[in-house]
Amino acid sequence: MLDTLRTARGVLRSLRVYYGDRRRRAAMQRLYAQFVTPGDLVFDIGAHVGDRTAAFRRLGARVVAVEPQPPLVAVLKLLYGRDPAVAIEPVAIGREAGTVALKVNTDNPTVSTASQAFITAARGAPGWEGQRWPKSIDVAMTTFDALIARHGVPAFAKIDVEGFEAEVLFGLTRPIPALSFEFTTIQRDVAQTGLKRCQALGFTRYNAALGESQKLVHASWHGAEEIGRWLATLPIEANSGDIYARR
């Protein structure tokens, strides 16, 4: 019962944070309009409470919202279950199909993760104080390629899976036009691996956004090596952000 109450409190906090700021919502829409046009198919991998799904829908896209946490799947169904342009996939994404242990942060579900290395890196790190993952559940896992086989090739994919981003990218073997994946300064190696994987997939142009700024850092697009050097020099206090890749 206590876990249920803590999870509900965490979900309500996320709904307030991610849906309550109109300026943030407008900035998000401007950012994603650079990648998404009406009628496009978009994958929201790590959909959480669906604020990115909402942005993609406002841009006229069809969305596949991927989220393995049962309480968050329930929220997504409540918000988007009647929208024929949104398909909800209650699974994790990785390099192979099967099951995976998802470590649940009961108080802050947005940082639940399938990566034990992420939890280890967060322990005692600045900006991650007080985060705990007391619960583990086994969830179904599929691959990016299997998602494409089921729904089609997306024009854009957002990947935000708390240290499991490279695993998601290794499950993709065919080109798509553009994607983003989250990075953290406590696991720069995961982001560097993600950059190398994007290069292998044929992406040639890269940019980044810090935190929840919803704004690209660089005025022009760069190669993977330049973005990798930029990432390496970020202070740990920068905490997190997203890398964007285009073909």
C-alpha atoms as a PDB file:
ATOM      1  CA  MET A   1       0.000   0.000   0.000  1.00  0.00           C
ATOM      2  CA  LEU A   2       2.801   2.417   0.893  1.00  0.00           C
ATOM      3  CA  ASP A   3       4.572   1.718  -2.419  1.00  0.00           C
ATOM      4  CA  THR A   4       1.315   2.369  -4.273  1.00  0.00           C
ATOM      5  CA  LEU A   5       0.856   5.721  -2.532  1.00  0.00           C
ATOM      6  CA  ARG A   6       4.463   6.723  -3.188  1.00  0.00           C
ATOM      7  CA  THR A   7       4.149   5.778  -6.852  1.00  0.00           C
ATOM      8  CA  ALA A   8       0.910   7.751  -7.168  1.00  0.00           C
ATOM      9  CA  ARG A   9       2.587  10.772  -5.601  1.00  0.00           C
ATOM     10  CA  GLY A  10       5.528  10.450  -8.023  1.00  0.00           C
ATOM     11  CA  VAL A  11       3.216  10.175 -11.019  1.00  0.00           C
ATOM     12  CA  LEU A  12       1.180  13.206  -9.923  1.00  0.00           C
ATOM     13  CA  ARG A  13       4.394  15.174  -9.510  1.00  0.00           C
ATOM     14  CA  SER A  14       5.421  14.243 -13.065  1.00  0.00           C
ATOM     15  CA  LEU A  15       2.047  15.260 -14.456  1.00  0.00           C
ATOM     16  CA  ARG A  16       2.337  18.631 -12.733  1.00  0.00           C
ATOM     17  CA  VAL A  17       5.932  19.213 -13.870  1.00  0.00           C
ATOM     18  CA  TYR A  18       5.576  18.025 -17.452  1.00  0.00           C
ATOM     19  CA  TYR A  19       2.114  19.361 -18.271  1.00  0.00           C
ATOM     20  CA  GLY A  20       1.894  22.452 -16.091  1.00  0.00           C
ATOM     21  CA  ASP A  21       4.255  24.873 -17.862  1.00  0.00           C
ATOM     22  CA  ARG A  22       2.805  26.501 -20.986  1.00  0.00           C
ATOM     23  CA  ARG A  23       6.078  28.139 -22.013  1.00  0.00           C
ATOM     24  CA  ARG A  24       7.903  24.825 -21.764  1.00  0.00           C
ATOM     25  CA  ARG A  25       5.163  23.216 -23.847  1.00  0.00           C
ATOM     26  CA  ALA A  26       5.487  25.870 -26.559  1.00  0.00           C
ATOM     27  CA  ALA A  27       9.293  25.564 -26.584  1.00  0.00           C
ATOM     28  CA  MET A  28       9.034  21.791 -26.914  1.00  0.00           C
ATOM     29  CA  GLN A  29       6.719  22.151 -29.875  1.00  0.00           C
ATOM     30  CA  ARG A  30       9.116  24.570 -31.602  1.00  0.00           C
ATOM     31  CA  LEU A  31      11.998  22.157 -31.044  1.00  0.00           C
ATOM     32  CA  TYR A  32      10.231  19.086 -32.401  1.00  0.00           C
ATOM     33  CA  ALA A  33       8.780  21.007 -35.359  1.00  0.00           C
ATOM     34  CA  GLN A  34      12.320  20.868 -36.779  1.00  0.00           C
ATOM     35  CA  PHE A  35      11.924  17.077 -37.098  1.00  0.00           C
ATOM     36  CA  VAL A  36       8.199  16.323 -37.270  1.00  0.00           C
ATOM     37  CA  THR A  37       5.531  17.331 -39.788  1.00  0.00           C
ATOM     38  CA  PRO A  38       1.809  16.491 -39.962  1.00  0.00           C
ATOM     39  CA  GLY A  39       1.193  12.849 -40.816  1.00  0.00           C
ATOM     40  CA  ASP A  40       4.653  11.664 -39.719  1.00  0.00           C
ATOM     41  CA  LEU A  41       5.087   8.593 -37.574  1.00  0.00           C
ATOM     42  CA  VAL A  42       7.054   9.197 -34.350  1.00  0.00           C
ATOM     43  CA  PHE A  43       8.323   6.755 -31.714  1.00  0.00           C
ATOM     44  CA  ASP A  44       8.287   8.053 -28.118  1.00  0.00           C
ATOM     45  CA  ILE A  45      10.562   5.498 -26.446  1.00  0.00           C
ATOM     46  CA  GLY A  46      10.414   6.006 -22.708  1.00  0.00           C
ATOM     47  CA  ALA A  47       7.128   7.906 -22.918  1.00  0.00           C
ATOM     48  CA  HIS A  48       6.699   8.283 -19.125  1.00  0.00           C
ATOM     49  CA  VAL A  49       3.503  10.370 -18.675  1.00  0.00           C
ATOM     50  CA  GLY A  50       3.340  11.283 -22.362  1.00  0.00           C
ATOM     51  CA  ASP A  51       4.256  14.968 -22.503  1.00  0.00           C
ATOM     52  CA  ARG A  52       6.382  14.346 -25.623  1.00  0.00           C
ATOM     53  CA  THR A  53       3.564  12.285 -27.089  1.00  0.00           C
ATOM     54  CA  ALA A  54       1.337  15.339 -26.562  1.00  0.00           C
ATOM     55  CA  ALA A  55       3.857  17.567 -28.367  1.00  0.00           C
ATOM     56  CA  PHE A  56       4.067  15.177 -31.307  1.00  0.00           C
ATOM     57  CA  ARG A  57       0.279  14.990 -31.527  1.00  0.00           C
ATOM     58  CA  ARG A  58      -0.001  18.798 -31.517  1.00  0.00           C
ATOM     59  CA  LEU A  59       2.325  18.717 -34.531  1.00  0.00           C
ATOM     60  CA  GLY A  60      -0.046  16.330 -36.283  1.00  0.00           C
ATOM     61  CA  ALA A  61       2.088  13.205 -35.968  1.00  0.00           C
ATOM     62  CA  ARG A  62       1.004   9.634 -35.339  1.00  0.00           C
ATOM     63  CA  VAL A  63       2.750   8.330 -32.225  1.00  0.00           C
ATOM     64  CA  VAL A  64       3.889   5.001 -30.839  1.00  0.00           C
ATOM     65  CA  ALA A  65       4.294   5.599 -27.089  1.00  0.00           C
ATOM     66  CA  VAL A  66       6.586   2.995 -25.529  1.00  0.00           C
ATOM     67  CA  GLU A  67       6.580   2.646 -21.737  1.00  0.00           C
ATOM     68  CA  PRO A  68       7.158  -0.484 -19.608  1.00  0.00           C
ATOM     69  CA  GLN A  69       6.044   0.772 -16.164  1.00  0.00           C
ATOM     70  CA  PRO A  70       2.470  -0.427 -15.466  1.00  0.00           C
ATOM     71  CA  PRO A  71       1.340   2.691 -13.528  1.00  0.00           C
ATOM     72  CA  LEU A  72       2.595   4.936 -16.346  1.00  0.00           C
ATOM     73  CA  VAL A  73       0.975   2.722 -18.980  1.00  0.00           C
ATOM     74  CA  ALA A  74      -2.291   3.265 -17.095  1.00  0.00           C
ATOM     75  CA  VAL A  75      -1.742   7.047 -17.268  1.00  0.00           C
ATOM     76  CA  LEU A  76      -0.986   6.874 -20.991  1.00  0.00           C
ATOM     77  CA  LYS A  77      -4.142   4.849 -21.617  1.00  0.00           C
ATOM     78  CA  LEU A  78      -6.176   7.355 -19.615  1.00  0.00           C
ATOM     79  CA  LEU A  79      -4.742  10.306 -21.575  1.00  0.00           C
ATOM     80  CA  TYR A  80      -4.381   8.792 -25.065  1.00  0.00           C
ATOM     81  CA  GLY A  81      -6.222   5.475 -25.084  1.00  0.00           C
ATOM     82  CA  ARG A  82      -9.075   6.902 -27.164  1.00  0.00           C
ATOM     83  CA  ASP A  83      -6.806   8.622 -29.671  1.00  0.00           C
ATOM     84  CA  PRO A  84      -6.596   6.443 -32.808  1.00  0.00           C
ATOM     85  CA  ALA A  85      -3.340   8.193 -33.757  1.00  0.00           C
ATOM     86  CA  VAL A  86      -1.560   6.941 -30.608  1.00  0.00           C
ATOM     87  CA  ALA A  87      -0.475   3.324 -30.141  1.00  0.00           C
ATOM     88  CA  ILE A  88       0.694   2.397 -26.636  1.00  0.00           C
ATOM     89  CA  GLU A  89       3.357  -0.308 -26.353  1.00  0.00           C
ATOM     90  CA  PRO A  90       3.782  -1.507 -22.713  1.00  0.00           C
ATOM     91  CA  VAL A  91       7.310  -2.839 -23.230  1.00  0.00           C
ATOM     92  CA  ALA A  92      10.981  -1.972 -22.823  1.00  0.00           C
ATOM     93  CA  ILE A  93      13.247  -1.639 -25.876  1.00  0.00           C
ATOM     94  CA  GLY A  94      16.699  -3.220 -26.032  1.00  0.00           C
ATOM     95  CA  ARG A  95      19.143  -4.986 -28.322  1.00  0.00           C
ATOM     96  CA  GLU A  96      17.168  -8.250 -28.232  1.00  0.00           C
ATOM     97  CA  ALA A  97      13.667  -9.479 -27.434  1.00  0.00           C
ATOM     98  CA  GLY A  98      12.893 -11.188 -24.139  1.00  0.00           C
ATOM     99  CA  THR A  99      12.449  -9.848 -20.625  1.00  0.00           C
ATOM    100  CA  VAL A 100      14.475  -7.399 -18.565  1.00  0.00           C
ATOM    101  CA  ALA A 101      14.575  -6.438 -14.890  1.00  0.00           C
ATOM    102  CA  LEU A 102      13.320  -2.867 -14.521  1.00  0.00           C
ATOM    103  CA  LYS A 103      14.552  -1.135 -11.371  1.00  0.00           C
ATOM    104  CA  VAL A 104      11.743   1.104 -10.187  1.00  0.00           C
ATOM    105  CA  ASN A 105      12.296   4.429  -8.443  1.00  0.00           C
ATOM    106  CA  THR A 106       9.071   4.471  -6.457  1.00  0.00           C
ATOM    107  CA  ASP A 107       9.222   8.160  -5.557  1.00  0.00           C
ATOM    108  CA  ASN A 108      10.434   9.357  -8.951  1.00  0.00           C
ATOM    109  CA  PRO A 109       9.265   6.951 -11.683  1.00  0.00           C
ATOM    110  CA  THR A 110      10.792   9.090 -14.429  1.00  0.00           C
ATOM    111  CA  VAL A 111      14.246   7.710 -13.537  1.00  0.00           C
ATOM    112  CA  SER A 112      13.297   4.038 -13.320  1.00  0.00           C
ATOM    113  CA  THR A 113      15.816   2.091 -15.361  1.00  0.00           C
ATOM    114  CA  ALA A 114      16.818  -1.262 -16.839  1.00  0.00           C
ATOM    115  CA  SER A 115      20.494  -0.373 -16.295  1.00  0.00           C
ATOM    116  CA  GLN A 116      22.205  -1.383 -13.057  1.00  0.00           C
ATOM    117  CA  ALA A 117      25.250   0.607 -14.222  1.00  0.00           C
ATOM    118  CA  PHE A 118      23.076   3.745 -14.241  1.00  0.00           C
ATOM    119  CA  ILE A 119      22.082   3.171 -10.620  1.00  0.00           C
ATOM    120  CA  THR A 120      25.706   2.613  -9.644  1.00  0.00           C
ATOM    121  CA  ALA A 121      26.775   5.816 -11.414  1.00  0.00           C
ATOM    122  CA  ALA A 122      23.996   7.817  -9.721  1.00  0.00           C
ATOM    123  CA  ARG A 123      24.947   6.687  -6.228  1.00  0.00           C
ATOM    124  CA  GLY A 124      26.362   9.743  -4.439  1.00  0.00           C
ATOM    125  CA  ALA A 125      26.647  11.804  -7.629  1.00  0.00           C
ATOM    126  CA  PRO A 126      25.819  15.549  -7.560  1.00  0.00           C
ATOM    127  CA  GLY A 127      22.220  16.108  -8.576  1.00  0.00           C
ATOM    128  CA  TRP A 128      21.216  12.530  -7.817  1.00  0.00           C
ATOM    129  CA  GLU A 129      21.157  12.696  -4.032  1.00  0.00           C
ATOM    130  CA  GLY A 130      18.303  10.790  -2.428  1.00  0.00           C
ATOM    131  CA  GLN A 131      17.352   8.767  -5.496  1.00  0.00           C
ATOM    132  CA  ARG A 132      16.532   5.139  -4.678  1.00  0.00           C
ATOM    133  CA  TRP A 133      15.452   2.123  -6.700  1.00  0.00           C
ATOM    134  CA  PRO A 134      13.963  -0.223  -4.062  1.00  0.00           C
ATOM    135  CA  LYS A 135      11.846  -2.349  -6.376  1.00  0.00           C
ATOM    136  CA  SER A 136      12.534  -4.545  -9.412  1.00  0.00           C
ATOM    137  CA  ILE A 137       9.958  -5.936 -11.832  1.00  0.00           C
ATOM    138  CA  ASP A 138      10.424  -8.115 -14.899  1.00  0.00           C
ATOM    139  CA  VAL A 139       8.988  -6.524 -18.044  1.00  0.00           C
ATOM    140  CA  ALA A 140       8.719  -7.635 -21.651  1.00  0.00           C
ATOM    141  CA  MET A 141      11.400  -6.276 -23.979  1.00  0.00           C
ATOM    142  CA  THR A 142      11.391  -5.962 -27.746  1.00  0.00           C
ATOM    143  CA  THR A 143      13.702  -4.259 -30.235  1.00  0.00           C
ATOM    144  CA  PHE A 144      13.613  -1.066 -32.258  1.00  0.00           C
ATOM    145  CA  ASP A 145      13.598  -3.168 -35.440  1.00  0.00           C
ATOM    146  CA  ALA A 146      10.596  -5.162 -34.189  1.00  0.00           C
ATOM    147  CA  LEU A 147       8.781  -1.921 -33.389  1.00  0.00           C
ATOM    148  CA  ILE A 148       9.393  -0.783 -36.978  1.00  0.00           C
ATOM    149  CA  ALA A 149       8.146  -4.118 -38.325  1.00  0.00           C
ATOM    150  CA  ARG A 150       4.952  -3.649 -36.316  1.00  0.00           C
ATOM    151  CA  HIS A 151       4.258   0.055 -36.908  1.00  0.00           C
ATOM    152  CA  GLY A 152       6.412   1.280 -39.816  1.00  0.00           C
ATOM    153  CA  VAL A 153       9.517   3.460 -40.170  1.00  0.00           C
ATOM    154  CA  PRO A 154       9.327   6.597 -38.006  1.00  0.00           C
ATOM    155  CA  ALA A 155      10.349  10.025 -39.243  1.00  0.00           C
ATOM    156  CA  PHE A 156      11.708  10.700 -35.753  1.00  0.00           C
ATOM    157  CA  ALA A 157      12.307   8.757 -32.544  1.00  0.00           C
ATOM    158  CA  LYS A 158      12.843  10.128 -29.047  1.00  0.00           C
ATOM    159  CA  ILE A 159      14.778   7.805 -26.733  1.00  0.00           C
ATOM    160  CA  ASP A 160      14.835   8.548 -22.994  1.00  0.00           C
ATOM    161  CA  VAL A 161      15.438   5.379 -20.994  1.00  0.00           C
ATOM    162  CA  GLU A 162      17.833   6.300 -18.154  1.00  0.00           C
ATOM    163  CA  GLY A 163      21.156   4.773 -19.123  1.00  0.00           C
ATOM    164  CA  PHE A 164      19.741   2.140 -21.504  1.00  0.00           C
ATOM    165  CA  GLU A 165      19.913   4.358 -24.602  1.00  0.00           C
ATOM    166  CA  ALA A 166      22.822   2.544 -26.269  1.00  0.00           C
ATOM    167  CA  GLU A 167      21.003  -0.777 -25.803  1.00  0.00           C
ATOM    168  CA  VAL A 168      17.995   0.681 -27.621  1.00  0.00           C
ATOM    169  CA  LEU A 169      20.206   1.856 -30.486  1.00  0.00           C
ATOM    170  CA  PHE A 170      21.847  -1.559 -30.825  1.00  0.00           C
ATOM    171  CA  GLY A 171      18.369  -2.942 -31.500  1.00  0.00           C
ATOM    172  CA  LEU A 172      18.124  -0.707 -34.585  1.00  0.00           C
ATOM    173  CA  THR A 173      19.798  -1.942 -37.772  1.00  0.00           C
ATOM    174  CA  ARG A 174      18.106   0.157 -40.461  1.00  0.00           C
ATOM    175  CA  PRO A 175      18.250   3.886 -41.134  1.00  0.00           C
ATOM    176  CA  ILE A 176      15.582   6.353 -40.030  1.00  0.00           C
ATOM    177  CA  PRO A 177      15.615  10.101 -40.798  1.00  0.00           C
ATOM    178  CA  ALA A 178      16.296  11.479 -37.289  1.00  0.00           C
ATOM    179  CA  LEU A 179      16.327  10.640 -33.603  1.00  0.00           C
ATOM    180  CA  SER A 180      17.287  11.945 -30.168  1.00  0.00           C
ATOM    181  CA  PHE A 181      18.658  10.106 -27.174  1.00  0.00           C
ATOM    182  CA  GLU A 182      19.178  11.255 -23.611  1.00  0.00           C
ATOM    183  CA  PHE A 183      22.626  11.605 -22.063  1.00  0.00           C
ATOM    184  CA  THR A 184      23.719  12.134 -18.463  1.00  0.00           C
ATOM    185  CA  THR A 185      27.016  13.506 -17.198  1.00  0.00           C
ATOM    186  CA  ILE A 186      27.275  10.576 -14.775  1.00  0.00           C
ATOM    187  CA  GLN A 187      27.358   8.165 -17.745  1.00  0.00           C
ATOM    188  CA  ARG A 188      29.078   9.951 -20.599  1.00  0.00           C
ATOM    189  CA  ASP A 189      30.373   6.599 -21.833  1.00  0.00           C
ATOM    190  CA  VAL A 190      26.807   5.523 -22.672  1.00  0.00           C
ATOM    191  CA  ALA A 191      26.318   8.673 -24.756  1.00  0.00           C
ATOM    192  CA  GLN A 192      29.670   8.190 -26.509  1.00  0.00           C
ATOM    193  CA  THR A 193      28.661   4.620 -27.358  1.00  0.00           C
ATOM    194  CA  GLY A 194      25.351   5.975 -28.622  1.00  0.00           C
ATOM    195  CA  LEU A 195      27.168   8.452 -30.862  1.00  0.00           C
ATOM    196  CA  LYS A 196      29.322   5.694 -32.334  1.00  0.00           C
ATOM    197  CA  ARG A 197      26.252   3.561 -32.939  1.00  0.00           C
ATOM    198  CA  CYS A 198      24.535   6.471 -34.696  1.00  0.00           C
ATOM    199  CA  GLN A 199      27.581   6.873 -36.929  1.00  0.00           C
ATOM    200  CA  ALA A 200      27.410   3.176 -37.818  1.00  0.00           C
ATOM    201  CA  LEU A 201      23.722   3.634 -38.697  1.00  0.00           C
ATOM    202  CA  GLY A 202      24.577   6.434 -41.124  1.00  0.00           C
ATOM    203  CA  PHE A 203      23.702   9.549 -39.157  1.00  0.00           C
ATOM    204  CA  THR A 204      25.988  12.417 -40.157  1.00  0.00           C
ATOM    205  CA  ARG A 205      24.736  15.588 -38.416  1.00  0.00           C
ATOM    206  CA  TYR A 206      24.452  16.118 -34.676  1.00  0.00           C
ATOM    207  CA  ASN A 207      23.278  18.687 -32.145  1.00  0.00           C
ATOM    208  CA  ALA A 208      22.283  18.717 -28.485  1.00  0.00           C
ATOM    209  CA  ALA A 209      19.980  20.271 -25.899  1.00  0.00           C
ATOM    210  CA  LEU A 210      20.694  20.655 -22.189  1.00  0.00           C
ATOM    211  CA  GLY A 211      18.260  19.529 -19.514  1.00  0.00           C
ATOM    212  CA  GLU A 212      14.684  20.584 -20.185  1.00  0.00           C
ATOM    213  CA  SER A 213      15.705  23.714 -22.088  1.00  0.00           C
ATOM    214  CA  GLN A 214      13.945  22.518 -25.278  1.00  0.00           C
ATOM    215  CA  LYS A 215      16.550  24.457 -27.262  1.00  0.00           C
ATOM    216  CA  LEU A 216      19.431  23.246 -29.411  1.00  0.00           C
ATOM    217  CA  VAL A 217      22.793  24.317 -28.012  1.00  0.00           C
ATOM    218  CA  HIS A 218      24.654  24.773 -31.286  1.00  0.00           C
ATOM    219  CA  ALA A 219      23.660  27.209 -34.020  1.00  0.00           C
ATOM    220  CA  SER A 220      24.860  24.750 -36.659  1.00  0.00           C
ATOM    221  CA  TRP A 221      24.973  20.971 -36.851  1.00  0.00           C
ATOM    222  CA  HIS A 222      28.251  19.138 -36.258  1.00  0.00           C
ATOM    223  CA  GLY A 223      29.906  15.788 -36.729  1.00  0.00           C
ATOM    224  CA  ALA A 224      29.777  13.090 -34.065  1.00  0.00           C
ATOM    225  CA  GLU A 225      33.388  13.728 -33.003  1.00  0.00           C
ATOM    226  CA  GLU A 226      32.694  17.399 -32.281  1.00  0.00           C
ATOM    227  CA  ILE A 227      29.584  16.609 -30.246  1.00  0.00           C
ATOM    228  CA  GLY A 228      31.557  13.930 -28.405  1.00  0.00           C
ATOM    229  CA  ARG A 229      34.224  16.484 -27.458  1.00  0.00           C
ATOM    230  CA  TRP A 230      31.550  18.944 -26.331  1.00  0.00           C
ATOM    231  CA  LEU A 231      29.960  16.246 -24.173  1.00  0.00           C
ATOM    232  CA  ALA A 232      33.325  15.365 -22.613  1.00  0.00           C
ATOM    233  CA  THR A 233      33.887  18.975 -21.477  1.00  0.00           C
ATOM    234  CA  LEU A 234      30.476  19.517 -19.850  1.00  0.00           C
ATOM    235  CA  PRO A 235      30.627  20.067 -16.078  1.00  0.00           C
ATOM    236  CA  ILE A 236      28.976  17.311 -14.091  1.00  0.00           C
ATOM    237  CA  GLU A 237      26.450  19.909 -12.878  1.00  0.00           C
ATOM    238  CA  ALA A 238      24.998  20.008 -16.401  1.00  0.00           C
ATOM    239  CA  ASN A 239      23.403  16.701 -15.350  1.00  0.00           C
ATOM    240  CA  SER A 240      21.578  15.641 -18.504  1.00  0.00           C
ATOM    241  CA  GLY A 241      20.265  16.527 -21.929  1.00  0.00           C
ATOM    242  CA  ASP A 242      19.592  15.056 -25.335  1.00  0.00           C
ATOM    243  CA  ILE A 243      21.723  14.416 -28.399  1.00  0.00           C
ATOM    244  CA  TYR A 244      20.005  14.841 -31.754  1.00  0.00           C
ATOM    245  CA  ALA A 245      21.114  12.949 -34.862  1.00  0.00           C
ATOM    246  CA  ARG A 246      20.110  13.411 -38.507  1.00  0.00           C
ATOM    247  CA  ARG A 247      21.058  11.588 -41.653  1.00  0.00           C
END
